[in-house]
PDB file of N, CA and C in Angstrom:
ATOM      1  N   MET A   1       4.581 -11.050  -7.721  1.00  0.00           N
ATOM      2  CA  MET A   1       5.494 -10.810  -6.093  1.00  0.00           C
ATOM      3  C   MET A   1       6.787  -9.862  -6.171  1.00  0.00           C
ATOM      4  N   SER A   2       7.189  -9.063  -5.782  1.00  0.00           N
ATOM      5  CA  SER A   2       8.157  -8.142  -5.695  1.00  0.00           C
ATOM      6  C   SER A   2       9.391  -9.169  -4.707  1.00  0.00           C
ATOM      7  N   ASP A   3       9.223  -9.631  -3.872  1.00  0.00           N
ATOM      8  CA  ASP A   3      10.214 -10.044  -3.062  1.00  0.00           C
ATOM      9  C   ASP A   3      10.717 -11.473  -3.470  1.00  0.00           C
ATOM     10  N   GLY A   4       9.620 -12.291  -4.456  1.00  0.00           N
ATOM     11  CA  GLY A   4       9.586 -13.459  -4.862  1.00  0.00           C
ATOM     12  C   GLY A   4       9.654 -14.218  -3.881  1.00  0.00           C
ATOM     13  N   THR A   5       9.259 -14.408  -2.362  1.00  0.00           N
ATOM     14  CA  THR A   5       8.958 -15.528  -1.453  1.00  0.00           C
ATOM     15  C   THR A   5       7.061 -15.861  -1.567  1.00  0.00           C
ATOM     16  N   ASP A   6       6.411 -14.814  -1.818  1.00  0.00           N
ATOM     17  CA  ASP A   6       4.794 -15.303  -2.062  1.00  0.00           C
ATOM     18  C   ASP A   6       4.695 -15.990  -3.154  1.00  0.00           C
ATOM     19  N   PRO A   7       3.772 -17.056  -2.919  1.00  0.00           N
ATOM     20  CA  PRO A   7       3.440 -17.723  -4.095  1.00  0.00           C
ATOM     21  C   PRO A   7       2.644 -16.587  -4.803  1.00  0.00           C
ATOM     22  N   LYS A   8       2.298 -17.041  -6.111  1.00  0.00           N
ATOM     23  CA  LYS A   8       1.682 -16.188  -7.188  1.00  0.00           C
ATOM     24  C   LYS A   8      -0.018 -16.323  -6.329  1.00  0.00           C
ATOM     25  N   LEU A   9      -0.490 -14.949  -6.434  1.00  0.00           N
ATOM     26  CA  LEU A   9      -1.680 -14.998  -5.993  1.00  0.00           C
ATOM     27  C   LEU A   9      -2.597 -15.276  -7.435  1.00  0.00           C
ATOM     28  N   GLU A  10      -3.869 -16.287  -6.764  1.00  0.00           N
ATOM     29  CA  GLU A  10      -4.287 -16.273  -8.213  1.00  0.00           C
ATOM     30  C   GLU A  10      -5.798 -15.730  -8.430  1.00  0.00           C
ATOM     31  N   ILE A  11      -5.723 -14.294  -8.133  1.00  0.00           N
ATOM     32  CA  ILE A  11      -7.113 -13.389  -8.130  1.00  0.00           C
ATOM     33  C   ILE A  11      -7.310 -12.792  -8.935  1.00  0.00           C
ATOM     34  N   GLN A  12      -7.897 -12.547  -9.768  1.00  0.00           N
ATOM     35  CA  GLN A  12      -8.135 -11.213 -10.681  1.00  0.00           C
ATOM     36  C   GLN A  12      -8.932 -10.351 -10.145  1.00  0.00           C
ATOM     37  N   MET A  13      -8.645  -9.258  -9.486  1.00  0.00           N
ATOM     38  CA  MET A  13      -9.311  -8.101  -9.146  1.00  0.00           C
ATOM     39  C   MET A  13     -10.343  -7.596 -10.024  1.00  0.00           C
ATOM     40  N   LEU A  14     -11.501  -7.050  -9.715  1.00  0.00           N
ATOM     41  CA  LEU A  14     -12.347  -6.742 -10.620  1.00  0.00           C
ATOM     42  C   LEU A  14     -12.391  -5.159 -11.083  1.00  0.00           C
ATOM     43  N   HIS A  15     -12.691  -4.532 -12.003  1.00  0.00           N
ATOM     44  CA  HIS A  15     -13.405  -2.802 -12.084  1.00  0.00           C
ATOM     45  C   HIS A  15     -11.869  -1.752 -11.804  1.00  0.00           C
ATOM     46  N   ASP A  16     -12.053  -1.499 -10.785  1.00  0.00           N
ATOM     47  CA  ASP A  16     -11.231  -0.035 -10.055  1.00  0.00           C
ATOM     48  C   ASP A  16     -10.941  -0.627  -8.791  1.00  0.00           C
ATOM     49  N   ARG A  17     -10.820  -1.696  -8.683  1.00  0.00           N
ATOM     50  CA  ARG A  17     -10.101  -2.049  -7.251  1.00  0.00           C
ATOM     51  C   ARG A  17      -8.634  -2.647  -7.514  1.00  0.00           C
ATOM     52  N   VAL A  18      -7.955  -2.142  -6.249  1.00  0.00           N
ATOM     53  CA  VAL A  18      -7.061  -1.898  -6.263  1.00  0.00           C
ATOM     54  C   VAL A  18      -6.355  -3.396  -5.137  1.00  0.00           C
ATOM     55  N   MET A  19      -5.414  -4.423  -4.568  1.00  0.00           N
ATOM     56  CA  MET A  19      -5.110  -5.186  -3.500  1.00  0.00           C
ATOM     57  C   MET A  19      -3.914  -4.846  -3.165  1.00  0.00           C
ATOM     58  N   VAL A  20      -4.364  -3.987  -2.019  1.00  0.00           N
ATOM     59  CA  VAL A  20      -2.156  -3.907  -1.301  1.00  0.00           C
ATOM     60  C   VAL A  20      -2.088  -4.116  -0.074  1.00  0.00           C
ATOM     61  N   GLN A  21      -0.642  -4.717   0.204  1.00  0.00           N
ATOM     62  CA  GLN A  21      -0.542  -5.268   1.653  1.00  0.00           C
ATOM     63  C   GLN A  21       0.610  -3.988   2.124  1.00  0.00           C
ATOM     64  N   VAL A  22       0.250  -3.530   3.205  1.00  0.00           N
ATOM     65  CA  VAL A  22       0.875  -2.879   4.195  1.00  0.00           C
ATOM     66  C   VAL A  22       1.705  -3.799   5.093  1.00  0.00           C
ATOM     67  N   LYS A  23       3.621  -3.483   4.914  1.00  0.00           N
ATOM     68  CA  LYS A  23       3.719  -4.062   5.606  1.00  0.00           C
ATOM     69  C   LYS A  23       4.056  -4.114   7.101  1.00  0.00           C
ATOM     70  N   PRO A  24       4.697  -4.738   7.702  1.00  0.00           N
ATOM     71  CA  PRO A  24       4.417  -4.947   9.440  1.00  0.00           C
ATOM     72  C   PRO A  24       5.253  -3.574   9.964  1.00  0.00           C
ATOM     73  N   GLY A  25       4.269  -2.889  10.819  1.00  0.00           N
ATOM     74  CA  GLY A  25       5.618  -1.741  11.484  1.00  0.00           C
ATOM     75  C   GLY A  25       5.200  -0.429  10.585  1.00  0.00           C
ATOM     76  N   ALA A  26       4.466  -0.675   9.092  1.00  0.00           N
ATOM     77  CA  ALA A  26       4.115   0.726   8.798  1.00  0.00           C
ATOM     78  C   ALA A  26       3.515   2.272   9.148  1.00  0.00           C
ATOM     79  N   GLY A  27       3.064   2.071   9.926  1.00  0.00           N
ATOM     80  CA  GLY A  27       2.180   2.635  10.981  1.00  0.00           C
ATOM     81  C   GLY A  27       3.011   3.392  12.230  1.00  0.00           C
ATOM     82  N   GLU A  28       4.181   2.293  12.344  1.00  0.00           N
ATOM     83  CA  GLU A  28       4.784   3.181  13.606  1.00  0.00           C
ATOM     84  C   GLU A  28       5.533   4.203  13.036  1.00  0.00           C
ATOM     85  N   ARG A  29       5.960   5.120  14.023  1.00  0.00           N
ATOM     86  CA  ARG A  29       6.907   6.170  13.743  1.00  0.00           C
ATOM     87  C   ARG A  29       8.111   6.430  14.747  1.00  0.00           C
ATOM     88  N   ARG A  30       9.075   7.014  14.755  1.00  0.00           N
ATOM     89  CA  ARG A  30       9.971   7.328  15.715  1.00  0.00           C
ATOM     90  C   ARG A  30       9.855   8.942  16.189  1.00  0.00           C
ATOM     91  N   SER A  31      10.460   9.224  17.597  1.00  0.00           N
ATOM     92  CA  SER A  31      10.139  10.813  17.834  1.00  0.00           C
ATOM     93  C   SER A  31      11.363  11.280  17.700  1.00  0.00           C
ATOM     94  N   SER A  32      11.878  12.267  17.447  1.00  0.00           N
ATOM     95  CA  SER A  32      13.075  13.052  17.036  1.00  0.00           C
ATOM     96  C   SER A  32      14.287  12.355  18.357  1.00  0.00           C
ATOM     97  N   ALA A  33      13.422  12.167  19.531  1.00  0.00           N
ATOM     98  CA  ALA A  33      14.586  11.221  20.595  1.00  0.00           C
ATOM     99  C   ALA A  33      14.830   9.635  20.542  1.00  0.00           C
ATOM    100  N   GLY A  34      14.130   9.072  19.264  1.00  0.00           N
ATOM    101  CA  GLY A  34      14.009   8.163  18.946  1.00  0.00           C
ATOM    102  C   GLY A  34      13.145   7.128  19.402  1.00  0.00           C
ATOM    103  N   ILE A  35      12.221   7.410  20.381  1.00  0.00           N
ATOM    104  CA  ILE A  35      11.036   6.849  21.303  1.00  0.00           C
ATOM    105  C   ILE A  35      10.227   6.442  19.804  1.00  0.00           C
ATOM    106  N   VAL A  36       9.833   5.175  19.808  1.00  0.00           N
ATOM    107  CA  VAL A  36       9.116   4.591  18.821  1.00  0.00           C
ATOM    108  C   VAL A  36       7.247   4.991  19.498  1.00  0.00           C
ATOM    109  N   ILE A  37       6.782   5.360  18.481  1.00  0.00           N
ATOM    110  CA  ILE A  37       5.164   5.592  18.376  1.00  0.00           C
ATOM    111  C   ILE A  37       4.674   4.673  17.610  1.00  0.00           C
ATOM    112  N   PRO A  38       4.111   4.205  18.266  1.00  0.00           N
ATOM    113  CA  PRO A  38       3.044   2.849  17.340  1.00  0.00           C
ATOM    114  C   PRO A  38       1.894   3.395  16.905  1.00  0.00           C
ATOM    115  N   ALA A  39       1.500   2.587  15.795  1.00  0.00           N
ATOM    116  CA  ALA A  39       0.549   3.248  15.135  1.00  0.00           C
ATOM    117  C   ALA A  39      -1.019   3.327  15.856  1.00  0.00           C
ATOM    118  N   THR A  40      -1.104   2.763  17.270  1.00  0.00           N
ATOM    119  CA  THR A  40      -2.336   2.747  17.558  1.00  0.00           C
ATOM    120  C   THR A  40      -2.512   4.460  18.041  1.00  0.00           C
ATOM    121  N   ALA A  41      -1.416   4.639  18.602  1.00  0.00           N
ATOM    122  CA  ALA A  41      -1.134   6.033  19.250  1.00  0.00           C
ATOM    123  C   ALA A  41      -1.527   7.630  18.516  1.00  0.00           C
ATOM    124  N   GLN A  42      -1.949   7.375  17.355  1.00  0.00           N
ATOM    125  CA  GLN A  42      -2.110   8.627  16.405  1.00  0.00           C
ATOM    126  C   GLN A  42      -2.950   9.202  16.899  1.00  0.00           C
ATOM    127  N   MET A  43      -2.954  10.507  16.918  1.00  0.00           N
ATOM    128  CA  MET A  43      -4.085  11.520  17.078  1.00  0.00           C
ATOM    129  C   MET A  43      -4.155  12.027  15.808  1.00  0.00           C
ATOM    130  N   ALA A  44      -3.994  12.191  14.864  1.00  0.00           N
ATOM    131  CA  ALA A  44      -4.804  12.763  13.338  1.00  0.00           C
ATOM    132  C   ALA A  44      -4.315  11.456  12.292  1.00  0.00           C
ATOM    133  N   LYS A  45      -5.476  11.606  11.532  1.00  0.00           N
ATOM    134  CA  LYS A  45      -5.518  10.164  10.293  1.00  0.00           C
ATOM    135  C   LYS A  45      -3.996  10.521   9.469  1.00  0.00           C
ATOM    136  N   ARG A  46      -3.145   9.229   9.597  1.00  0.00           N
ATOM    137  CA  ARG A  46      -2.110   9.200   8.816  1.00  0.00           C
ATOM    138  C   ARG A  46      -2.360   8.201   7.738  1.00  0.00           C
ATOM    139  N   LEU A  47      -1.602   8.662   6.496  1.00  0.00           N
ATOM    140  CA  LEU A  47      -1.397   7.910   5.650  1.00  0.00           C
ATOM    141  C   LEU A  47       0.108   6.881   5.378  1.00  0.00           C
ATOM    142  N   VAL A  48      -0.234   5.763   5.012  1.00  0.00           N
ATOM    143  CA  VAL A  48       0.390   4.538   5.054  1.00  0.00           C
ATOM    144  C   VAL A  48       1.407   4.386   3.510  1.00  0.00           C
ATOM    145  N   TRP A  49       2.248   3.614   3.648  1.00  0.00           N
ATOM    146  CA  TRP A  49       2.369   3.166   2.211  1.00  0.00           C
ATOM    147  C   TRP A  49       2.245   1.406   1.993  1.00  0.00           C
ATOM    148  N   GLY A  50       1.930   1.062   1.005  1.00  0.00           N
ATOM    149  CA  GLY A  50       1.702  -0.086   0.639  1.00  0.00           C
ATOM    150  C   GLY A  50       1.962  -0.934  -0.376  1.00  0.00           C
ATOM    151  N   GLU A  51       2.373  -2.291  -0.650  1.00  0.00           N
ATOM    152  CA  GLU A  51       2.510  -2.573  -2.239  1.00  0.00           C
ATOM    153  C   GLU A  51       1.608  -3.256  -2.622  1.00  0.00           C
ATOM    154  N   VAL A  52       1.171  -2.804  -4.309  1.00  0.00           N
ATOM    155  CA  VAL A  52       0.293  -3.426  -4.884  1.00  0.00           C
ATOM    156  C   VAL A  52       0.447  -5.039  -5.323  1.00  0.00           C
ATOM    157  N   TYR A  53      -0.711  -5.560  -4.815  1.00  0.00           N
ATOM    158  CA  TYR A  53      -0.375  -7.224  -5.068  1.00  0.00           C
ATOM    159  C   TYR A  53      -1.272  -7.663  -6.104  1.00  0.00           C
ATOM    160  N   GLY A  54      -2.484  -6.603  -6.600  1.00  0.00           N
ATOM    161  CA  GLY A  54      -3.158  -6.827  -8.034  1.00  0.00           C
ATOM    162  C   GLY A  54      -4.510  -5.670  -8.240  1.00  0.00           C
ATOM    163  N   VAL A  55      -4.572  -5.851  -9.309  1.00  0.00           N
ATOM    164  CA  VAL A  55      -5.564  -4.161 -10.383  1.00  0.00           C
ATOM    165  C   VAL A  55      -6.674  -4.829 -11.025  1.00  0.00           C
ATOM    166  N   GLY A  56      -7.410  -4.188 -10.767  1.00  0.00           N
ATOM    167  CA  GLY A  56      -8.845  -4.847 -11.981  1.00  0.00           C
ATOM    168  C   GLY A  56      -8.182  -4.274 -13.174  1.00  0.00           C
ATOM    169  N   ASN A  57      -9.259  -4.821 -14.290  1.00  0.00           N
ATOM    170  CA  ASN A  57      -9.240  -4.284 -15.537  1.00  0.00           C
ATOM    171  C   ASN A  57      -9.488  -2.878 -15.828  1.00  0.00           C
ATOM    172  N   HIS A  58      -9.922  -1.712 -15.000  1.00  0.00           N
ATOM    173  CA  HIS A  58     -10.062  -0.510 -15.481  1.00  0.00           C
ATOM    174  C   HIS A  58      -9.172   0.208 -14.510  1.00  0.00           C
ATOM    175  N   VAL A  59      -8.497  -0.102 -13.770  1.00  0.00           N
ATOM    176  CA  VAL A  59      -7.186   0.581 -13.246  1.00  0.00           C
ATOM    177  C   VAL A  59      -6.000   0.849 -14.034  1.00  0.00           C
ATOM    178  N   ARG A  60      -5.851   2.360 -14.003  1.00  0.00           N
ATOM    179  CA  ARG A  60      -5.313   2.889 -14.881  1.00  0.00           C
ATOM    180  C   ARG A  60      -3.827   3.488 -14.980  1.00  0.00           C
ATOM    181  N   GLN A  61      -3.356   3.976 -13.481  1.00  0.00           N
ATOM    182  CA  GLN A  61      -2.312   4.546 -12.889  1.00  0.00           C
ATOM    183  C   GLN A  61      -1.734   3.350 -12.380  1.00  0.00           C
ATOM    184  N   VAL A  62      -1.861   2.338 -11.716  1.00  0.00           N
ATOM    185  CA  VAL A  62      -1.120   1.329 -10.743  1.00  0.00           C
ATOM    186  C   VAL A  62      -1.258   0.454 -11.902  1.00  0.00           C
ATOM    187  N   LYS A  63       0.459  -0.298 -11.117  1.00  0.00           N
ATOM    188  CA  LYS A  63       0.447  -1.860 -11.536  1.00  0.00           C
ATOM    189  C   LYS A  63       0.943  -2.554 -10.714  1.00  0.00           C
ATOM    190  N   VAL A  64       1.220  -3.709 -10.759  1.00  0.00           N
ATOM    191  CA  VAL A  64       1.421  -5.054  -9.299  1.00  0.00           C
ATOM    192  C   VAL A  64       2.922  -4.550  -9.362  1.00  0.00           C
ATOM    193  N   GLY A  65       3.409  -4.118  -7.866  1.00  0.00           N
ATOM    194  CA  GLY A  65       4.577  -4.168  -7.651  1.00  0.00           C
ATOM    195  C   GLY A  65       4.778  -3.023  -7.189  1.00  0.00           C
ATOM    196  N   ASN A  66       3.979  -1.608  -7.764  1.00  0.00           N
ATOM    197  CA  ASN A  66       3.617  -0.686  -7.038  1.00  0.00           C
ATOM    198  C   ASN A  66       3.946  -0.042  -5.455  1.00  0.00           C
ATOM    199  N   LYS A  67       4.529   0.958  -5.306  1.00  0.00           N
ATOM    200  CA  LYS A  67       4.427   1.508  -3.690  1.00  0.00           C
ATOM    201  C   LYS A  67       3.359   2.430  -3.943  1.00  0.00           C
ATOM    202  N   VAL A  68       2.314   2.258  -3.069  1.00  0.00           N
ATOM    203  CA  VAL A  68       1.208   3.184  -3.030  1.00  0.00           C
ATOM    204  C   VAL A  68       0.814   4.186  -1.698  1.00  0.00           C
ATOM    205  N   LEU A  69       0.400   5.259  -1.732  1.00  0.00           N
ATOM    206  CA  LEU A  69       0.610   5.890  -0.433  1.00  0.00           C
ATOM    207  C   LEU A  69      -1.552   6.261  -0.725  1.00  0.00           C
ATOM    208  N   PHE A  70      -2.009   5.522   0.786  1.00  0.00           N
ATOM    209  CA  PHE A  70      -3.375   5.741   0.958  1.00  0.00           C
ATOM    210  C   PHE A  70      -3.638   5.779   2.742  1.00  0.00           C
ATOM    211  N   SER A  71      -4.795   5.768   2.930  1.00  0.00           N
ATOM    212  CA  SER A  71      -5.542   6.075   4.204  1.00  0.00           C
ATOM    213  C   SER A  71      -5.938   4.602   4.422  1.00  0.00           C
ATOM    214  N   PRO A  72      -5.444   3.956   5.412  1.00  0.00           N
ATOM    215  CA  PRO A  72      -6.097   2.247   6.104  1.00  0.00           C
ATOM    216  C   PRO A  72      -7.079   2.183   6.411  1.00  0.00           C
ATOM    217  N   ASP A  73      -7.828   3.825   7.065  1.00  0.00           N
ATOM    218  CA  ASP A  73      -9.123   3.556   7.433  1.00  0.00           C
ATOM    219  C   ASP A  73     -10.497   3.176   6.319  1.00  0.00           C
ATOM    220  N   ASP A  74     -11.249   2.399   7.023  1.00  0.00           N
ATOM    221  CA  ASP A  74     -12.237   2.372   6.315  1.00  0.00           C
ATOM    222  C   ASP A  74     -12.088   1.473   4.925  1.00  0.00           C
ATOM    223  N   GLN A  75     -11.352   1.007   5.096  1.00  0.00           N
ATOM    224  CA  GLN A  75     -10.446  -0.421   3.800  1.00  0.00           C
ATOM    225  C   GLN A  75     -11.209  -1.980   3.850  1.00  0.00           C
ATOM    226  N   PHE A  76     -11.132  -2.504   3.045  1.00  0.00           N
ATOM    227  CA  PHE A  76     -11.675  -3.455   3.233  1.00  0.00           C
ATOM    228  C   PHE A  76     -10.753  -4.759   3.265  1.00  0.00           C
ATOM    229  N   GLU A  77     -10.391  -5.623   4.214  1.00  0.00           N
ATOM    230  CA  GLU A  77      -9.402  -6.327   4.302  1.00  0.00           C
ATOM    231  C   GLU A  77     -10.061  -7.603   4.345  1.00  0.00           C
ATOM    232  N   VAL A  78      -8.892  -8.423   3.389  1.00  0.00           N
ATOM    233  CA  VAL A  78      -9.269  -9.779   2.944  1.00  0.00           C
ATOM    234  C   VAL A  78      -8.169 -10.821   3.597  1.00  0.00           C
ATOM    235  N   GLU A  79      -8.000 -11.562   3.924  1.00  0.00           N
ATOM    236  CA  GLU A  79      -6.791 -12.999   4.395  1.00  0.00           C
ATOM    237  C   GLU A  79      -6.933 -13.878   2.577  1.00  0.00           C
ATOM    238  N   VAL A  80      -5.846 -13.840   2.081  1.00  0.00           N
ATOM    239  CA  VAL A  80      -5.492 -14.629   1.192  1.00  0.00           C
ATOM    240  C   VAL A  80      -3.978 -15.519   1.241  1.00  0.00           C
ATOM    241  N   GLN A  81      -4.047 -17.063   1.196  1.00  0.00           N
ATOM    242  CA  GLN A  81      -3.136 -17.670   1.799  1.00  0.00           C
ATOM    243  C   GLN A  81      -2.521 -17.426   2.852  1.00  0.00           C
ATOM    244  N   GLY A  82      -3.086 -16.896   4.165  1.00  0.00           N
ATOM    245  CA  GLY A  82      -2.849 -16.681   5.138  1.00  0.00           C
ATOM    246  C   GLY A  82      -1.837 -14.910   5.290  1.00  0.00           C
ATOM    247  N   ARG A  83      -2.016 -14.603   4.465  1.00  0.00           N
ATOM    248  CA  ARG A  83      -1.579 -13.148   4.260  1.00  0.00           C
ATOM    249  C   ARG A  83      -2.430 -12.068   4.495  1.00  0.00           C
ATOM    250  N   ALA A  84      -2.341 -11.021   5.537  1.00  0.00           N
ATOM    251  CA  ALA A  84      -3.490  -9.681   5.173  1.00  0.00           C
ATOM    252  C   ALA A  84      -3.590  -8.358   3.972  1.00  0.00           C
ATOM    253  N   TYR A  85      -4.650  -8.291   3.355  1.00  0.00           N
ATOM    254  CA  TYR A  85      -4.459  -7.336   2.402  1.00  0.00           C
ATOM    255  C   TYR A  85      -5.480  -6.470   2.632  1.00  0.00           C
ATOM    256  N   LEU A  86      -5.805  -5.491   1.815  1.00  0.00           N
ATOM    257  CA  LEU A  86      -6.366  -4.515   1.687  1.00  0.00           C
ATOM    258  C   LEU A  86      -6.653  -4.332   0.936  1.00  0.00           C
ATOM    259  N   VAL A  87      -8.124  -4.059   0.576  1.00  0.00           N
ATOM    260  CA  VAL A  87      -9.188  -3.926  -1.325  1.00  0.00           C
ATOM    261  C   VAL A  87      -9.738  -2.821  -0.820  1.00  0.00           C
ATOM    262  N   MET A  88      -9.115  -1.714  -2.308  1.00  0.00           N
ATOM    263  CA  MET A  88      -9.787  -0.161  -2.077  1.00  0.00           C
ATOM    264  C   MET A  88     -10.033  -0.217  -4.063  1.00  0.00           C
ATOM    265  N   ARG A  89     -10.643   1.479  -3.783  1.00  0.00           N
ATOM    266  CA  ARG A  89     -11.186   1.441  -5.385  1.00  0.00           C
ATOM    267  C   ARG A  89      -9.696   2.395  -5.955  1.00  0.00           C
ATOM    268  N   GLU A  90      -8.981   2.679  -6.691  1.00  0.00           N
ATOM    269  CA  GLU A  90      -7.955   3.215  -6.997  1.00  0.00           C
ATOM    270  C   GLU A  90      -8.401   4.469  -6.970  1.00  0.00           C
ATOM    271  N   ARG A  91      -9.416   5.145  -6.815  1.00  0.00           N
ATOM    272  CA  ARG A  91      -9.584   6.698  -6.878  1.00  0.00           C
ATOM    273  C   ARG A  91      -9.475   6.857  -4.932  1.00  0.00           C
ATOM    274  N   ASP A  92      -9.288   6.046  -3.950  1.00  0.00           N
ATOM    275  CA  ASP A  92      -8.721   5.974  -2.433  1.00  0.00           C
ATOM    276  C   ASP A  92      -7.185   5.957  -2.503  1.00  0.00           C
ATOM    277  N   LEU A  93      -6.668   6.112  -3.112  1.00  0.00           N
ATOM    278  CA  LEU A  93      -4.831   6.051  -3.558  1.00  0.00           C
ATOM    279  C   LEU A  93      -4.306   7.586  -3.264  1.00  0.00           C
ATOM    280  N   HIS A  94      -3.602   7.644  -2.748  1.00  0.00           N
ATOM    281  CA  HIS A  94      -2.988   9.067  -3.076  1.00  0.00           C
ATOM    282  C   HIS A  94      -1.876   9.600  -3.454  1.00  0.00           C
ATOM    283  N   ALA A  95      -0.933   8.406  -3.499  1.00  0.00           N
ATOM    284  CA  ALA A  95      -0.023   9.091  -4.417  1.00  0.00           C
ATOM    285  C   ALA A  95       0.688   7.731  -4.785  1.00  0.00           C
ATOM    286  N   VAL A  96       1.545   7.604  -6.135  1.00  0.00           N
ATOM    287  CA  VAL A  96       2.171   6.606  -6.450  1.00  0.00           C
ATOM    288  C   VAL A  96       3.950   6.566  -6.655  1.00  0.00           C
ATOM    289  N   ALA A  97       4.674   5.674  -5.524  1.00  0.00           N
ATOM    290  CA  ALA A  97       6.189   5.952  -5.561  1.00  0.00           C
ATOM    291  C   ALA A  97       6.573   5.720  -6.964  1.00  0.00           C
ATOM    292  N   ALA A  98       7.381   6.155  -7.802  1.00  0.00           N
ATOM    293  CA  ALA A  98       7.778   5.721  -8.915  1.00  0.00           C
ATOM    294  C   ALA A  98       9.212   5.257  -8.915  1.00  0.00           C
ATOM    295  N   GLU A  99       9.900   4.723 -10.125  1.00  0.00           N
ATOM    296  CA  GLU A  99      11.335   4.495  -9.955  1.00  0.00           C
ATOM    297  C   GLU A  99      12.362   5.490  -9.539  1.00  0.00           C
ATOM    298  N   PRO A 100      13.448   5.669  -8.223  1.00  0.00           N
ATOM    299  CA  PRO A 100      13.928   6.695  -8.099  1.00  0.00           C
ATOM    300  C   PRO A 100      14.723   6.878  -9.464  1.00  0.00           C
ATOM    301  N   SER A 101      15.080   7.814  -9.752  1.00  0.00           N
ATOM    302  CA  SER A 101      15.340   8.935 -10.611  1.00  0.00           C
ATOM    303  C   SER A 101      16.986   9.698 -10.443  1.00  0.00           C
ATOM    304  N   GLU A 102      17.718  10.032 -10.972  1.00  0.00           N
ATOM    305  CA  GLU A 102      18.991  10.455 -11.002  1.00  0.00           C
ATOM    306  C   GLU A 102      18.631  11.936 -10.105  1.00  0.00           C
ATOM    307  N   ASP A 103      17.517  12.581 -10.655  1.00  0.00           N
ATOM    308  CA  ASP A 103      16.964  14.093 -11.008  1.00  0.00           C
ATOM    309  C   ASP A 103      16.248  14.508  -9.708  1.00  0.00           C
ATOM    310  N   GLY A 104      15.723  13.369  -9.037  1.00  0.00           N
ATOM    311  CA  GLY A 104      14.721  13.623  -7.774  1.00  0.00           C
ATOM    312  C   GLY A 104      14.292  12.638  -7.147  1.00  0.00           C
ATOM    313  N   THR A 105      13.427  12.590  -6.332  1.00  0.00           N
ATOM    314  CA  THR A 105      12.678  11.845  -5.443  1.00  0.00           C
ATOM    315  C   THR A 105      12.166  10.703  -5.769  1.00  0.00           C
ATOM    316  N   GLY A 106      11.616  10.713  -7.039  1.00  0.00           N
ATOM    317  CA  GLY A 106      10.869   9.740  -7.293  1.00  0.00           C
ATOM    318  C   GLY A 106       9.257   9.435  -7.018  1.00  0.00           C
ATOM    319  N   LEU A 107       9.131  10.526  -6.242  1.00  0.00           N
ATOM    320  CA  LEU A 107       7.384  10.599  -5.811  1.00  0.00           C
ATOM    321  C   LEU A 107       6.609  11.211  -6.155  1.00  0.00           C
ATOM    322  N   TYR A 108       5.666  10.873  -6.830  1.00  0.00           N
ATOM    323  CA  TYR A 108       4.873  11.984  -7.350  1.00  0.00           C
ATOM    324  C   TYR A 108       3.616  12.342  -6.522  1.00  0.00           C
ATOM    325  N   LEU A 109       3.372  13.368  -6.034  1.00  0.00           N
ATOM    326  CA  LEU A 109       2.323  13.835  -5.028  1.00  0.00           C
ATOM    327  C   LEU A 109       1.581  14.694  -5.468  1.00  0.00           C
TER     328      LEU A 109
END
């Protein structure tokens, strides 16, 4: 776990599955005037960022600790040790955030 506060998850994801945790408030956004627009008020499908907490042995481009961009719709939700996670296939991920670099944003889209 990247923040060091979670106990180690003793789960091995299978095949091409990825387990992701979305941080609370990840779907919320602010208008230019500073008004908070909740995730439930979305008009169009919106992608969200999450952190990878588990990967299967056939996952090629994502590792535990990566920040990934995905659509939270139609994903499977599971609760482990009192925390909610989403389980999806690697192909359902849209982007992976790389480490910040001096030359660019660090995002591969």
